[in-house]
Each structure stands twice: as structure tokens, then as C-alpha cells.
Amino acid sequence: MVKLVKTDSTEEKILISAKKNFLKNGMAGARMQDIADEAGINKALLHYYFRTKEKLFEVIFREAASNFFPQLEGIISAEAPLSEKIQGFCSAYIDMLLQNPFLPMFVLTESNNQPQRFRQKLWKNRGHLFMRFAADVNNEIKKKNIKPVDPGQLFMNMIALCIFPFLAKPIWQMTTGMGETEFRRMIEERKKIIPQLINDSIKK
């Protein structure tokens, strides 16, 4: 019987391979055999590290979240104008999605199919970020610096405008004939366009 040796370098190869496959094929289309082949290992060793494709994806999600949420917290908690926080949020969010474009579909699927598990194991206690943002919005309204607006609607608009192009990418490219280079250029432009739209919508 072949002994399976577990090493950090092997795990890193698996994660790199998995990201490539999730990026190319999405969560549903990625195959464990393809991930193993790309990593240069056999499927048995892959399952030794990660029993299922879902477990593997969960690790990738946690890694992305551990890099993204501290950055997001820094932006929202900073002593800066609301307009700058909106700019920073959109830029950081889009950068994260460019690096992990398969995450939105995973989050939508997991949060709808297993809401309790998603909240407890993956999302944890992230609600304070919205609460801080909402407090900033309400404070600006009281000062009459911006129009009266529902902080929840504003926050949802920001997230939706950032995420939608990644969810609609296949249909958009099929409709427009846009290639990868043009699509990425369009996404980079949205780092400026989205904050401008949001800030103009609440400007007095």
C-alpha cells in the first residue's frame, strides 16, 4: 500500500490548481480529477487533503476572506469622509473579485442552500462592518451633507454594482463578443464609475 505523505508544498499546489479550475470551470464544473492532474498528484492524495470539492472550496473561501475582510474593516473604520470610504470599498471589493471571480456564485449558493452553516462557519461575525457603515451614513444625513437614504439600500447598491458583472460575465461576453482583456479593462474602469454613481446619487 502506498503511504500518503502530507506536506505543505503539496497542499499549496492543490490550492493553486483548485483556484485555476474554479476560475475556468466554476464551482459546479470543476472536477477533483482535473485538480489532482493540474497539481501533479493522484486523486487519492487529493482526497487525503480535502475529502470533497466543497471542503476544498471552503478553504479557498476562508483564505480570500482572511485577506479581504481586514482590508475592508480598515477602510470602513478609518477616519475619512464617507465618499472616500465608498471609493475604497468598491476598489477593494472589485480587486478581490478579480482575484477570485468564482466566489460570488459560491456565496450565493451556500448562503441560500445552507444559511445557518454559511453564517456560522464562513461568514462569522461580519455584521459590524455594515453597522459601522450605516452609522456613518446616518451621521452624514444628520449633518445634512447627503440626501436622506436607507443605509441598507445604499450598501446593497454598492455590492450589487460590484458583483453583477462577474455573475453576468458569460452572458455579457456572449452578447458583446468581449474578450478577457477588454472585460478586465471594463472592470477596472468600474472602480471609478461605481463610486461616482453612488456618491452622485446621495449628493445634495
N, C-alpha and C. Protein backbone atom coordinates (compact mmCIF):
# COMPACT_ATOMS: atom_id res chain seq x y z
N MET A 1 0.85 -1.20 0.00
CA MET A 1 0.00 0.00 0.00
C MET A 1 0.88 1.25 0.00
N VAL A 2 0.59 2.19 -0.86
CA VAL A 2 1.38 3.42 -0.95
C VAL A 2 1.06 4.33 0.22
N LYS A 3 2.09 4.79 0.90
CA LYS A 3 1.90 5.70 2.02
C LYS A 3 1.73 7.12 1.50
N LEU A 4 0.69 7.80 1.96
CA LEU A 4 0.43 9.17 1.54
C LEU A 4 1.14 10.13 2.49
N VAL A 5 2.06 10.91 1.95
CA VAL A 5 2.82 11.85 2.76
C VAL A 5 2.24 13.24 2.60
N LYS A 6 1.87 13.84 3.71
CA LYS A 6 1.23 15.15 3.69
C LYS A 6 2.27 16.25 3.90
N THR A 7 2.39 17.17 2.94
CA THR A 7 3.35 18.26 3.04
C THR A 7 2.68 19.57 2.71
N ASP A 8 3.25 20.66 3.24
CA ASP A 8 2.69 21.99 2.99
C ASP A 8 2.79 22.34 1.51
N SER A 9 3.90 21.92 0.85
CA SER A 9 4.08 22.24 -0.56
C SER A 9 3.02 21.55 -1.42
N THR A 10 2.64 20.34 -1.04
CA THR A 10 1.59 19.63 -1.77
C THR A 10 0.26 20.35 -1.61
N GLU A 11 -0.05 20.78 -0.41
CA GLU A 11 -1.30 21.50 -0.17
C GLU A 11 -1.33 22.79 -0.96
N GLU A 12 -0.22 23.48 -1.02
CA GLU A 12 -0.15 24.73 -1.78
C GLU A 12 -0.40 24.47 -3.27
N LYS A 13 0.18 23.39 -3.80
CA LYS A 13 -0.04 23.03 -5.20
C LYS A 13 -1.51 22.73 -5.46
N ILE A 14 -2.14 22.05 -4.52
CA ILE A 14 -3.56 21.72 -4.66
C ILE A 14 -4.41 22.98 -4.70
N LEU A 15 -4.12 23.92 -3.81
CA LEU A 15 -4.90 25.15 -3.74
C LEU A 15 -4.72 25.99 -5.01
N ILE A 16 -3.50 26.05 -5.52
CA ILE A 16 -3.24 26.80 -6.76
C ILE A 16 -3.99 26.14 -7.91
N SER A 17 -3.92 24.82 -7.98
CA SER A 17 -4.62 24.08 -9.03
C SER A 17 -6.13 24.27 -8.92
N ALA A 18 -6.64 24.21 -7.70
CA ALA A 18 -8.09 24.36 -7.48
C ALA A 18 -8.57 25.73 -7.91
N LYS A 19 -7.80 26.76 -7.58
CA LYS A 19 -8.19 28.12 -7.97
C LYS A 19 -8.27 28.24 -9.50
N LYS A 20 -7.30 27.65 -10.19
CA LYS A 20 -7.31 27.68 -11.65
C LYS A 20 -8.55 26.99 -12.20
N ASN A 21 -8.88 25.85 -11.62
CA ASN A 21 -10.03 25.09 -12.11
C ASN A 21 -11.34 25.77 -11.78
N PHE A 22 -11.44 26.33 -10.58
CA PHE A 22 -12.66 27.06 -10.22
C PHE A 22 -12.83 28.29 -11.09
N LEU A 23 -11.72 28.94 -11.41
CA LEU A 23 -11.76 30.12 -12.26
C LEU A 23 -12.22 29.76 -13.68
N LYS A 24 -11.71 28.64 -14.18
CA LYS A 24 -12.02 28.22 -15.55
C LYS A 24 -13.41 27.60 -15.68
N ASN A 25 -13.78 26.76 -14.72
CA ASN A 25 -14.99 25.95 -14.85
C ASN A 25 -16.10 26.28 -13.86
N GLY A 26 -15.81 27.16 -12.90
CA GLY A 26 -16.80 27.44 -11.87
C GLY A 26 -16.83 26.33 -10.84
N MET A 27 -17.59 26.55 -9.78
CA MET A 27 -17.69 25.58 -8.70
C MET A 27 -18.30 24.27 -9.21
N ALA A 28 -19.38 24.36 -9.97
CA ALA A 28 -20.10 23.17 -10.42
C ALA A 28 -19.30 22.37 -11.45
N GLY A 29 -18.58 23.09 -12.31
CA GLY A 29 -17.89 22.41 -13.41
C GLY A 29 -16.52 21.86 -13.07
N ALA A 30 -15.92 22.30 -11.97
CA ALA A 30 -14.59 21.83 -11.60
C ALA A 30 -14.65 20.36 -11.16
N ARG A 31 -13.62 19.57 -11.57
CA ARG A 31 -13.56 18.15 -11.22
C ARG A 31 -12.33 17.88 -10.38
N MET A 32 -12.51 17.03 -9.38
CA MET A 32 -11.40 16.69 -8.49
C MET A 32 -10.26 16.05 -9.27
N GLN A 33 -10.58 15.23 -10.28
CA GLN A 33 -9.53 14.59 -11.07
C GLN A 33 -8.69 15.63 -11.80
N ASP A 34 -9.34 16.64 -12.37
CA ASP A 34 -8.62 17.71 -13.07
C ASP A 34 -7.73 18.49 -12.11
N ILE A 35 -8.25 18.73 -10.91
CA ILE A 35 -7.47 19.45 -9.90
C ILE A 35 -6.23 18.64 -9.51
N ALA A 36 -6.41 17.34 -9.33
CA ALA A 36 -5.28 16.46 -9.00
C ALA A 36 -4.25 16.43 -10.12
N ASP A 37 -4.73 16.31 -11.37
CA ASP A 37 -3.81 16.28 -12.52
C ASP A 37 -3.01 17.57 -12.62
N GLU A 38 -3.69 18.71 -12.45
CA GLU A 38 -3.02 20.00 -12.53
C GLU A 38 -1.97 20.15 -11.44
N ALA A 39 -2.24 19.59 -10.26
CA ALA A 39 -1.32 19.68 -9.12
C ALA A 39 -0.21 18.64 -9.21
N GLY A 40 -0.31 17.69 -10.15
CA GLY A 40 0.72 16.67 -10.32
C GLY A 40 0.68 15.59 -9.26
N ILE A 41 -0.51 15.32 -8.76
CA ILE A 41 -0.67 14.28 -7.73
C ILE A 41 -1.79 13.33 -8.16
N ASN A 42 -1.92 12.20 -7.42
CA ASN A 42 -3.03 11.31 -7.74
C ASN A 42 -4.27 11.73 -6.94
N LYS A 43 -5.40 11.23 -7.38
CA LYS A 43 -6.67 11.64 -6.77
C LYS A 43 -6.78 11.20 -5.32
N ALA A 44 -6.16 10.07 -4.99
CA ALA A 44 -6.21 9.58 -3.61
C ALA A 44 -5.54 10.57 -2.66
N LEU A 45 -4.42 11.13 -3.11
CA LEU A 45 -3.71 12.10 -2.26
C LEU A 45 -4.53 13.39 -2.13
N LEU A 46 -5.19 13.78 -3.21
CA LEU A 46 -6.05 14.96 -3.14
C LEU A 46 -7.15 14.76 -2.10
N HIS A 47 -7.77 13.60 -2.11
CA HIS A 47 -8.84 13.32 -1.15
C HIS A 47 -8.29 13.17 0.27
N TYR A 48 -7.01 12.84 0.39
CA TYR A 48 -6.39 12.77 1.71
C TYR A 48 -6.33 14.16 2.34
N TYR A 49 -6.08 15.16 1.50
CA TYR A 49 -6.04 16.54 1.96
C TYR A 49 -7.46 17.12 2.10
N PHE A 50 -8.25 16.92 1.07
CA PHE A 50 -9.59 17.51 1.03
C PHE A 50 -10.58 16.45 0.58
N ARG A 51 -11.46 16.03 1.50
CA ARG A 51 -12.37 14.92 1.24
C ARG A 51 -13.31 15.19 0.07
N THR A 52 -13.77 16.44 -0.04
CA THR A 52 -14.72 16.79 -1.10
C THR A 52 -14.32 18.10 -1.76
N LYS A 53 -14.90 18.33 -2.91
CA LYS A 53 -14.68 19.59 -3.63
C LYS A 53 -15.18 20.77 -2.81
N GLU A 54 -16.28 20.56 -2.09
CA GLU A 54 -16.85 21.62 -1.25
C GLU A 54 -15.90 22.02 -0.13
N LYS A 55 -15.24 21.02 0.48
CA LYS A 55 -14.28 21.31 1.55
C LYS A 55 -13.10 22.10 1.00
N LEU A 56 -12.67 21.74 -0.19
CA LEU A 56 -11.56 22.44 -0.82
C LEU A 56 -11.94 23.88 -1.12
N PHE A 57 -13.14 24.07 -1.63
CA PHE A 57 -13.59 25.42 -1.95
C PHE A 57 -13.73 26.25 -0.68
N GLU A 58 -14.16 25.60 0.41
CA GLU A 58 -14.33 26.32 1.68
C GLU A 58 -13.00 26.87 2.16
N VAL A 59 -11.93 26.11 1.98
CA VAL A 59 -10.59 26.58 2.38
C VAL A 59 -10.19 27.79 1.56
N ILE A 60 -10.47 27.74 0.25
CA ILE A 60 -10.14 28.86 -0.63
C ILE A 60 -10.95 30.10 -0.24
N PHE A 61 -12.23 29.88 0.10
CA PHE A 61 -13.07 31.00 0.52
C PHE A 61 -12.51 31.62 1.80
N ARG A 62 -12.14 30.79 2.76
CA ARG A 62 -11.60 31.31 4.02
C ARG A 62 -10.32 32.11 3.79
N GLU A 63 -9.49 31.63 2.87
CA GLU A 63 -8.24 32.33 2.56
C GLU A 63 -8.53 33.71 1.97
N ALA A 64 -9.48 33.75 1.02
CA ALA A 64 -9.85 35.02 0.40
C ALA A 64 -10.45 35.96 1.43
N ALA A 65 -11.31 35.41 2.30
CA ALA A 65 -11.96 36.23 3.32
C ALA A 65 -10.94 36.77 4.32
N SER A 66 -9.97 35.95 4.68
CA SER A 66 -8.96 36.38 5.67
C SER A 66 -8.09 37.50 5.13
N ASN A 67 -7.95 37.58 3.81
CA ASN A 67 -7.18 38.68 3.20
C ASN A 67 -8.05 39.92 2.98
N PHE A 68 -9.33 39.68 2.66
CA PHE A 68 -10.20 40.77 2.25
C PHE A 68 -10.83 41.52 3.42
N PHE A 69 -11.37 40.80 4.40
CA PHE A 69 -12.13 41.46 5.45
C PHE A 69 -11.30 42.40 6.33
N PRO A 70 -10.06 42.07 6.67
CA PRO A 70 -9.26 43.05 7.42
C PRO A 70 -9.06 44.34 6.63
N GLN A 71 -8.86 44.21 5.32
CA GLN A 71 -8.71 45.40 4.47
C GLN A 71 -10.01 46.20 4.46
N LEU A 72 -11.12 45.49 4.33
CA LEU A 72 -12.43 46.16 4.31
C LEU A 72 -12.70 46.85 5.65
N GLU A 73 -12.36 46.17 6.73
CA GLU A 73 -12.57 46.75 8.05
C GLU A 73 -11.75 48.02 8.22
N GLY A 74 -10.52 48.01 7.69
CA GLY A 74 -9.68 49.19 7.77
C GLY A 74 -10.28 50.36 7.02
N ILE A 75 -10.88 50.09 5.86
CA ILE A 75 -11.50 51.14 5.05
C ILE A 75 -12.71 51.73 5.75
N ILE A 76 -13.59 50.88 6.25
CA ILE A 76 -14.84 51.34 6.87
C ILE A 76 -14.59 52.00 8.23
N SER A 77 -13.57 51.53 8.96
CA SER A 77 -13.30 52.07 10.29
C SER A 77 -12.43 53.32 10.27
N ALA A 78 -11.89 53.66 9.13
CA ALA A 78 -10.97 54.80 9.04
C ALA A 78 -11.70 56.12 9.30
N GLU A 79 -10.95 57.08 9.81
CA GLU A 79 -11.48 58.43 9.99
C GLU A 79 -11.34 59.16 8.66
N ALA A 80 -12.32 58.95 7.80
CA ALA A 80 -12.27 59.51 6.44
C ALA A 80 -13.68 59.87 6.01
N PRO A 81 -13.82 60.77 5.03
CA PRO A 81 -15.15 61.12 4.51
C PRO A 81 -15.86 59.89 3.96
N LEU A 82 -17.18 59.92 4.04
CA LEU A 82 -17.98 58.80 3.53
C LEU A 82 -17.69 58.53 2.06
N SER A 83 -17.51 59.58 1.27
CA SER A 83 -17.24 59.39 -0.16
C SER A 83 -15.96 58.60 -0.40
N GLU A 84 -14.95 58.83 0.45
CA GLU A 84 -13.69 58.10 0.31
C GLU A 84 -13.85 56.65 0.74
N LYS A 85 -14.70 56.41 1.74
CA LYS A 85 -14.94 55.04 2.17
C LYS A 85 -15.66 54.26 1.07
N ILE A 86 -16.60 54.90 0.41
CA ILE A 86 -17.31 54.26 -0.71
C ILE A 86 -16.33 53.94 -1.83
N GLN A 87 -15.44 54.87 -2.13
CA GLN A 87 -14.42 54.65 -3.16
C GLN A 87 -13.52 53.48 -2.77
N GLY A 88 -13.05 53.47 -1.54
CA GLY A 88 -12.16 52.42 -1.08
C GLY A 88 -12.83 51.06 -1.05
N PHE A 89 -14.08 51.04 -0.60
CA PHE A 89 -14.84 49.79 -0.54
C PHE A 89 -14.97 49.18 -1.94
N CYS A 90 -15.42 49.97 -2.90
CA CYS A 90 -15.64 49.47 -4.26
C CYS A 90 -14.35 48.98 -4.90
N SER A 91 -13.27 49.72 -4.70
CA SER A 91 -12.00 49.34 -5.28
C SER A 91 -11.48 48.03 -4.69
N ALA A 92 -11.55 47.92 -3.36
CA ALA A 92 -11.08 46.70 -2.69
C ALA A 92 -11.95 45.50 -3.05
N TYR A 93 -13.26 45.72 -3.13
CA TYR A 93 -14.19 44.63 -3.43
C TYR A 93 -13.96 44.11 -4.85
N ILE A 94 -13.80 45.02 -5.79
CA ILE A 94 -13.57 44.61 -7.18
C ILE A 94 -12.22 43.90 -7.31
N ASP A 95 -11.19 44.38 -6.62
CA ASP A 95 -9.89 43.71 -6.66
C ASP A 95 -10.01 42.28 -6.15
N MET A 96 -10.76 42.08 -5.06
CA MET A 96 -10.94 40.74 -4.50
C MET A 96 -11.67 39.84 -5.50
N LEU A 97 -12.68 40.39 -6.18
CA LEU A 97 -13.44 39.61 -7.14
C LEU A 97 -12.61 39.28 -8.39
N LEU A 98 -11.73 40.18 -8.78
CA LEU A 98 -10.84 39.91 -9.91
C LEU A 98 -9.90 38.75 -9.59
N GLN A 99 -9.48 38.66 -8.34
CA GLN A 99 -8.59 37.58 -7.92
C GLN A 99 -9.35 36.28 -7.69
N ASN A 100 -10.64 36.39 -7.32
CA ASN A 100 -11.45 35.21 -7.01
C ASN A 100 -12.83 35.33 -7.66
N PRO A 101 -12.91 35.35 -9.00
CA PRO A 101 -14.18 35.61 -9.67
C PRO A 101 -15.23 34.52 -9.49
N PHE A 102 -14.83 33.35 -8.97
CA PHE A 102 -15.77 32.26 -8.75
C PHE A 102 -16.48 32.37 -7.40
N LEU A 103 -16.05 33.30 -6.53
CA LEU A 103 -16.63 33.39 -5.19
C LEU A 103 -18.08 33.84 -5.15
N PRO A 104 -18.51 34.82 -5.96
CA PRO A 104 -19.91 35.26 -5.85
C PRO A 104 -20.92 34.14 -6.00
N MET A 105 -20.72 33.25 -6.98
CA MET A 105 -21.66 32.16 -7.18
C MET A 105 -21.63 31.19 -6.00
N PHE A 106 -20.43 30.95 -5.45
CA PHE A 106 -20.31 30.08 -4.29
C PHE A 106 -21.06 30.67 -3.10
N VAL A 107 -20.88 31.96 -2.86
CA VAL A 107 -21.54 32.62 -1.73
C VAL A 107 -23.05 32.57 -1.89
N LEU A 108 -23.53 32.86 -3.11
CA LEU A 108 -24.97 32.82 -3.35
C LEU A 108 -25.54 31.43 -3.11
N THR A 109 -24.84 30.42 -3.60
CA THR A 109 -25.31 29.04 -3.45
C THR A 109 -25.31 28.61 -1.99
N GLU A 110 -24.20 28.83 -1.31
CA GLU A 110 -24.07 28.39 0.08
C GLU A 110 -25.01 29.15 1.01
N SER A 111 -25.13 30.45 0.81
CA SER A 111 -25.97 31.26 1.71
C SER A 111 -27.45 30.94 1.53
N ASN A 112 -27.84 30.45 0.35
CA ASN A 112 -29.23 30.07 0.12
C ASN A 112 -29.51 28.62 0.50
N ASN A 113 -28.58 27.73 0.19
CA ASN A 113 -28.80 26.31 0.48
C ASN A 113 -28.56 25.95 1.93
N GLN A 114 -27.54 26.59 2.53
CA GLN A 114 -27.19 26.27 3.92
C GLN A 114 -26.93 27.56 4.70
N PRO A 115 -27.97 28.36 4.91
CA PRO A 115 -27.77 29.68 5.54
C PRO A 115 -27.14 29.62 6.92
N GLN A 116 -27.56 28.65 7.74
CA GLN A 116 -27.02 28.55 9.09
C GLN A 116 -25.53 28.21 9.06
N ARG A 117 -25.19 27.21 8.24
CA ARG A 117 -23.80 26.79 8.13
C ARG A 117 -22.94 27.92 7.57
N PHE A 118 -23.44 28.59 6.56
CA PHE A 118 -22.68 29.69 5.94
C PHE A 118 -22.41 30.79 6.94
N ARG A 119 -23.43 31.16 7.71
CA ARG A 119 -23.27 32.24 8.67
C ARG A 119 -22.31 31.86 9.79
N GLN A 120 -22.41 30.63 10.28
CA GLN A 120 -21.61 30.22 11.42
C GLN A 120 -20.18 29.87 11.06
N LYS A 121 -19.99 29.15 9.94
CA LYS A 121 -18.66 28.65 9.61
C LYS A 121 -17.88 29.55 8.67
N LEU A 122 -18.57 30.27 7.79
CA LEU A 122 -17.87 31.03 6.78
C LEU A 122 -17.96 32.54 6.98
N TRP A 123 -19.16 33.02 7.28
CA TRP A 123 -19.34 34.46 7.40
C TRP A 123 -18.92 34.99 8.76
N LYS A 124 -19.16 34.18 9.79
CA LYS A 124 -18.83 34.53 11.17
C LYS A 124 -19.48 35.86 11.55
N ASN A 125 -18.75 36.70 12.28
CA ASN A 125 -19.33 37.96 12.78
C ASN A 125 -18.87 39.14 11.94
N ARG A 126 -19.51 39.28 10.78
CA ARG A 126 -19.12 40.38 9.88
C ARG A 126 -20.15 41.50 9.88
N GLY A 127 -21.24 41.33 10.64
CA GLY A 127 -22.31 42.32 10.62
C GLY A 127 -21.89 43.69 11.11
N HIS A 128 -20.84 43.74 11.95
CA HIS A 128 -20.41 45.03 12.50
C HIS A 128 -19.89 45.97 11.40
N LEU A 129 -19.44 45.40 10.28
CA LEU A 129 -18.96 46.24 9.19
C LEU A 129 -20.10 47.08 8.61
N PHE A 130 -21.24 46.42 8.41
CA PHE A 130 -22.40 47.16 7.91
C PHE A 130 -22.88 48.16 8.95
N MET A 131 -22.89 47.79 10.22
CA MET A 131 -23.36 48.68 11.28
C MET A 131 -22.52 49.95 11.34
N ARG A 132 -21.22 49.81 11.16
CA ARG A 132 -20.34 50.98 11.16
C ARG A 132 -20.63 51.85 9.94
N PHE A 133 -20.80 51.22 8.80
CA PHE A 133 -21.11 51.96 7.58
C PHE A 133 -22.44 52.69 7.73
N ALA A 134 -23.45 52.01 8.27
CA ALA A 134 -24.77 52.61 8.46
C ALA A 134 -24.69 53.81 9.40
N ALA A 135 -23.87 53.69 10.44
CA ALA A 135 -23.71 54.80 11.38
C ALA A 135 -23.09 56.01 10.68
N ASP A 136 -22.13 55.79 9.81
CA ASP A 136 -21.51 56.88 9.05
C ASP A 136 -22.53 57.56 8.14
N VAL A 137 -23.36 56.74 7.47
CA VAL A 137 -24.37 57.28 6.57
C VAL A 137 -25.37 58.13 7.35
N ASN A 138 -25.86 57.59 8.45
CA ASN A 138 -26.84 58.32 9.26
C ASN A 138 -26.26 59.61 9.83
N ASN A 139 -24.99 59.57 10.17
CA ASN A 139 -24.33 60.76 10.69
C ASN A 139 -24.24 61.85 9.62
N GLU A 140 -23.94 61.45 8.39
CA GLU A 140 -23.88 62.41 7.28
C GLU A 140 -25.26 62.98 6.96
N ILE A 141 -26.29 62.16 7.14
CA ILE A 141 -27.66 62.64 6.91
C ILE A 141 -28.02 63.69 7.96
N LYS A 142 -27.67 63.42 9.22
CA LYS A 142 -27.97 64.37 10.31
C LYS A 142 -27.26 65.70 10.09
N LYS A 143 -26.07 65.64 9.56
CA LYS A 143 -25.31 66.86 9.28
C LYS A 143 -25.81 67.56 8.01
N LYS A 144 -26.74 66.90 7.32
CA LYS A 144 -27.30 67.42 6.06
C LYS A 144 -26.24 67.53 4.97
N ASN A 145 -25.25 66.62 5.03
CA ASN A 145 -24.23 66.59 3.99
C ASN A 145 -24.65 65.76 2.79
N ILE A 146 -25.59 64.82 3.02
CA ILE A 146 -26.10 63.98 1.94
C ILE A 146 -27.62 63.90 2.03
N LYS A 147 -28.25 63.42 0.98
CA LYS A 147 -29.70 63.24 0.98
C LYS A 147 -30.09 62.14 1.97
N PRO A 148 -31.31 62.19 2.50
CA PRO A 148 -31.80 61.07 3.32
C PRO A 148 -31.83 59.80 2.48
N VAL A 149 -31.20 58.74 2.99
CA VAL A 149 -31.12 57.49 2.25
C VAL A 149 -31.08 56.33 3.24
N ASP A 150 -31.63 55.21 2.86
CA ASP A 150 -31.58 54.00 3.67
C ASP A 150 -30.18 53.40 3.55
N PRO A 151 -29.42 53.31 4.64
CA PRO A 151 -28.06 52.76 4.58
C PRO A 151 -28.02 51.35 3.98
N GLY A 152 -29.06 50.54 4.28
CA GLY A 152 -29.11 49.20 3.73
C GLY A 152 -29.22 49.19 2.22
N GLN A 153 -30.07 50.06 1.69
CA GLN A 153 -30.22 50.16 0.24
C GLN A 153 -28.91 50.64 -0.40
N LEU A 154 -28.27 51.58 0.25
CA LEU A 154 -27.02 52.13 -0.28
C LEU A 154 -25.93 51.06 -0.31
N PHE A 155 -25.82 50.31 0.77
CA PHE A 155 -24.81 49.25 0.88
C PHE A 155 -25.08 48.15 -0.14
N MET A 156 -26.36 47.80 -0.30
CA MET A 156 -26.73 46.78 -1.27
C MET A 156 -26.42 47.23 -2.70
N ASN A 157 -26.66 48.50 -2.99
CA ASN A 157 -26.34 49.03 -4.32
C ASN A 157 -24.85 48.93 -4.61
N MET A 158 -24.03 49.24 -3.62
CA MET A 158 -22.59 49.16 -3.80
C MET A 158 -22.15 47.73 -4.12
N ILE A 159 -22.64 46.79 -3.32
CA ILE A 159 -22.26 45.38 -3.52
C ILE A 159 -22.77 44.86 -4.86
N ALA A 160 -24.04 45.17 -5.17
CA ALA A 160 -24.64 44.67 -6.41
C ALA A 160 -23.90 45.18 -7.64
N LEU A 161 -23.55 46.46 -7.64
CA LEU A 161 -22.87 47.04 -8.80
C LEU A 161 -21.46 46.45 -8.98
N CYS A 162 -20.85 46.03 -7.89
CA CYS A 162 -19.52 45.40 -7.96
C CYS A 162 -19.63 43.95 -8.43
N ILE A 163 -20.60 43.22 -7.89
CA ILE A 163 -20.70 41.78 -8.14
C ILE A 163 -21.30 41.43 -9.49
N PHE A 164 -22.32 42.18 -9.91
CA PHE A 164 -23.10 41.78 -11.08
C PHE A 164 -22.28 41.45 -12.32
N PRO A 165 -21.28 42.26 -12.69
CA PRO A 165 -20.51 41.93 -13.90
C PRO A 165 -19.85 40.55 -13.84
N PHE A 166 -19.47 40.10 -12.64
CA PHE A 166 -18.83 38.79 -12.51
C PHE A 166 -19.85 37.67 -12.66
N LEU A 167 -21.05 37.88 -12.15
CA LEU A 167 -22.10 36.89 -12.30
C LEU A 167 -22.61 36.82 -13.74
N ALA A 168 -22.64 37.97 -14.39
CA ALA A 168 -23.18 38.05 -15.75
C ALA A 168 -22.11 37.92 -16.83
N LYS A 169 -20.88 37.68 -16.44
CA LYS A 169 -19.77 37.67 -17.39
C LYS A 169 -20.00 36.78 -18.62
N PRO A 170 -20.41 35.51 -18.45
CA PRO A 170 -20.59 34.66 -19.65
C PRO A 170 -21.62 35.22 -20.62
N ILE A 171 -22.75 35.69 -20.08
CA ILE A 171 -23.80 36.25 -20.95
C ILE A 171 -23.31 37.54 -21.60
N TRP A 172 -22.62 38.37 -20.82
CA TRP A 172 -22.12 39.64 -21.35
C TRP A 172 -21.12 39.42 -22.48
N GLN A 173 -20.19 38.49 -22.28
CA GLN A 173 -19.20 38.22 -23.31
C GLN A 173 -19.83 37.60 -24.55
N MET A 174 -20.82 36.73 -24.35
CA MET A 174 -21.51 36.12 -25.48
C MET A 174 -22.28 37.17 -26.27
N THR A 175 -22.88 38.11 -25.56
CA THR A 175 -23.70 39.15 -26.21
C THR A 175 -22.85 40.18 -26.94
N THR A 176 -21.75 40.58 -26.32
CA THR A 176 -20.93 41.66 -26.86
C THR A 176 -19.72 41.19 -27.65
N GLY A 177 -19.34 39.91 -27.48
CA GLY A 177 -18.13 39.42 -28.12
C GLY A 177 -16.87 39.92 -27.44
N MET A 178 -17.00 40.40 -26.22
CA MET A 178 -15.87 40.97 -25.48
C MET A 178 -14.93 39.88 -24.99
N GLY A 179 -13.64 40.07 -25.23
CA GLY A 179 -12.62 39.13 -24.77
C GLY A 179 -12.19 39.43 -23.34
N GLU A 180 -11.26 38.61 -22.83
CA GLU A 180 -10.81 38.74 -21.44
C GLU A 180 -10.14 40.08 -21.17
N THR A 181 -9.31 40.53 -22.11
CA THR A 181 -8.59 41.79 -21.91
C THR A 181 -9.55 42.96 -21.81
N GLU A 182 -10.52 42.99 -22.74
CA GLU A 182 -11.50 44.09 -22.72
C GLU A 182 -12.39 44.02 -21.49
N PHE A 183 -12.74 42.80 -21.09
CA PHE A 183 -13.59 42.64 -19.90
C PHE A 183 -12.87 43.16 -18.66
N ARG A 184 -11.60 42.80 -18.51
CA ARG A 184 -10.85 43.27 -17.34
C ARG A 184 -10.69 44.78 -17.36
N ARG A 185 -10.48 45.35 -18.55
CA ARG A 185 -10.37 46.81 -18.66
C ARG A 185 -11.68 47.48 -18.21
N MET A 186 -12.80 46.88 -18.62
CA MET A 186 -14.10 47.42 -18.23
C MET A 186 -14.29 47.35 -16.71
N ILE A 187 -13.86 46.23 -16.11
CA ILE A 187 -13.99 46.06 -14.66
C ILE A 187 -13.11 47.08 -13.93
N GLU A 188 -11.90 47.30 -14.42
CA GLU A 188 -11.02 48.28 -13.80
C GLU A 188 -11.65 49.67 -13.84
N GLU A 189 -12.33 50.00 -14.94
CA GLU A 189 -12.99 51.30 -15.06
C GLU A 189 -14.10 51.45 -14.03
N ARG A 190 -14.72 50.33 -13.68
CA ARG A 190 -15.83 50.38 -12.73
C ARG A 190 -15.38 50.77 -11.32
N LYS A 191 -14.09 50.67 -11.03
CA LYS A 191 -13.58 51.14 -9.73
C LYS A 191 -13.82 52.63 -9.56
N LYS A 192 -13.87 53.36 -10.66
CA LYS A 192 -14.14 54.80 -10.62
C LYS A 192 -15.62 55.09 -10.87
N ILE A 193 -16.20 54.34 -11.80
CA ILE A 193 -17.59 54.60 -12.20
C ILE A 193 -18.57 54.35 -11.07
N ILE A 194 -18.42 53.22 -10.37
CA ILE A 194 -19.39 52.86 -9.32
C ILE A 194 -19.39 53.87 -8.17
N PRO A 195 -18.23 54.21 -7.59
CA PRO A 195 -18.24 55.22 -6.51
C PRO A 195 -18.84 56.55 -6.96
N GLN A 196 -18.55 56.93 -8.20
CA GLN A 196 -19.10 58.18 -8.71
C GLN A 196 -20.62 58.11 -8.78
N LEU A 197 -21.16 56.99 -9.27
CA LEU A 197 -22.61 56.81 -9.33
C LEU A 197 -23.24 56.85 -7.93
N ILE A 198 -22.61 56.16 -7.01
CA ILE A 198 -23.15 56.10 -5.64
C ILE A 198 -23.09 57.46 -4.98
N ASN A 199 -21.94 58.11 -5.05
CA ASN A 199 -21.80 59.42 -4.40
C ASN A 199 -22.68 60.48 -5.05
N ASP A 200 -22.85 60.42 -6.37
CA ASP A 200 -23.74 61.38 -7.04
C ASP A 200 -25.20 61.16 -6.63
N SER A 201 -25.54 59.89 -6.36
CA SER A 201 -26.94 59.58 -6.02
C SER A 201 -27.34 60.12 -4.64
N ILE A 202 -26.36 60.35 -3.77
CA ILE A 202 -26.70 60.84 -2.42
C ILE A 202 -26.26 62.29 -2.20
N LYS A 203 -25.63 62.88 -3.21
CA LYS A 203 -25.17 64.26 -3.09
C LYS A 203 -26.35 65.22 -3.02
N LYS A 204 -26.25 66.20 -2.14
CA LYS A 204 -27.34 67.20 -2.02
C LYS A 204 -27.19 68.26 -3.09
